[in-house]
Protein backbone atom coordinates (compact mmCIF):
# COMPACT_ATOMS: atom_id res chain seq x y z
CA MET A 1 80.79 108.74 37.34
CA ASN A 2 83.18 107.11 39.75
CA LYS A 3 83.94 108.72 42.65
CA ASP A 4 87.65 110.09 41.68
CA ASP A 5 85.61 111.79 38.73
CA GLU A 6 83.56 113.16 40.94
CA LEU A 7 85.87 114.40 43.45
CA ASN A 8 87.79 116.09 40.66
CA LYS A 9 84.64 117.72 39.44
CA ILE A 10 83.94 119.17 43.10
CA ILE A 11 86.96 121.01 43.35
CA GLU A 12 87.03 122.07 39.64
CA ASP A 13 83.15 123.67 40.91
CA LEU A 14 84.75 124.90 44.14
CA SER A 15 87.51 126.66 42.99
CA SER A 16 86.07 128.60 39.92
CA ASN A 17 82.73 129.39 42.30
CA THR A 18 80.43 127.66 40.44
CA PHE A 19 78.62 125.71 43.09
CA GLU A 20 75.39 125.92 44.77
CA TYR A 21 74.42 126.08 48.45
CA SER A 22 71.40 123.42 49.51
CA ASP A 23 68.48 125.19 51.66
CA HIS A 24 69.69 122.55 54.68
CA ALA A 25 73.29 123.90 53.83
CA LEU A 26 72.13 127.55 53.84
CA ILE A 27 70.00 127.08 57.04
CA ARG A 28 73.45 125.68 58.84
CA MET A 29 75.24 128.55 57.90
CA SER A 30 72.90 131.03 59.24
CA GLU A 31 72.52 128.61 62.72
CA ARG A 32 76.50 128.11 62.84
CA GLY A 33 77.67 131.19 61.83
CA ILE A 34 79.59 130.40 58.85
CA SER A 35 79.67 133.05 56.20
CA PRO A 36 79.29 132.39 52.40
CA THR A 37 83.05 134.64 52.77
CA SER A 38 84.50 132.37 55.49
CA VAL A 39 83.33 129.43 52.64
CA LEU A 40 85.20 130.77 49.98
CA HIS A 41 87.98 131.47 52.12
CA LEU A 42 88.22 127.89 53.15
CA ILE A 43 88.25 126.99 49.11
CA GLN A 44 90.55 129.65 48.58
CA LYS A 45 93.26 128.12 51.60
CA GLY A 46 93.30 125.21 49.28
CA LEU A 47 90.86 121.73 49.28
CA ASN A 48 93.87 119.01 50.24
CA ASN A 49 91.98 118.01 53.70
CA TYR A 50 89.45 115.93 52.36
CA TYR A 51 87.84 112.71 52.45
CA TRP A 52 84.87 110.56 51.70
CA ASN A 53 81.65 110.50 53.90
CA GLU A 54 80.32 107.04 52.51
CA LYS A 55 77.32 107.01 55.19
CA HIS A 56 75.96 110.19 53.57
CA LYS A 57 77.55 109.26 49.80
CA SER A 58 79.36 112.82 50.02
CA TRP A 59 82.90 114.35 49.72
CA ASN A 60 84.04 116.36 52.81
CA PHE A 61 86.56 119.13 52.90
CA THR A 62 87.81 120.57 56.09
CA GLY A 63 89.53 123.99 56.66
CA GLN A 64 89.84 127.76 58.02
CA GLY A 65 87.76 129.96 56.90
CA LEU A 66 87.77 133.65 58.47
CA VAL A 67 87.86 131.98 62.22
CA PRO A 68 90.35 129.72 63.57
CA GLU A 69 88.26 127.11 64.12
CA ASP A 70 88.21 124.35 61.25
CA PHE A 71 84.86 123.34 60.00
CA THR A 72 83.43 121.10 56.79
CA ILE A 73 81.69 121.74 53.61
CA SER A 74 79.83 118.62 52.58
CA CYS A 75 79.88 118.37 48.77
CA ILE A 76 77.78 115.93 46.66
CA TYR A 77 77.91 115.76 42.76
CA GLU A 78 74.48 115.51 40.81
CA ASP A 79 74.83 117.95 37.32
CA GLY A 80 77.11 119.95 39.08
CA THR A 81 78.44 120.62 43.26
CA LEU A 82 75.74 121.08 45.89
CA VAL A 83 77.13 121.55 49.47
CA VAL A 84 74.77 119.96 51.02
CA THR A 85 75.69 120.80 54.74
CA LEU A 86 78.19 122.52 56.84
CA PHE A 87 79.52 121.70 60.24
CA TRP A 88 82.32 123.03 62.92
CA GLU A 89 85.04 120.41 63.62
């Protein structure tokens, strides 16, 4: 699968709420005070602000959740979409 196909599958999975969180992402969410509801809010607001992270081979989506600060979800696609980490911008 090429990167464009991967991006389209990730956007489709995020938009339809058919994705999973890695254990690492769940730990980071707890440490950083980012709730699953806030992630869903970021997704619902639109997935137009994204970039490819070559170093980690992931698609990153940045926006606002339920707080005014932007944060990023980092996703990979391997037989489905996995949110691998989250961080504040």
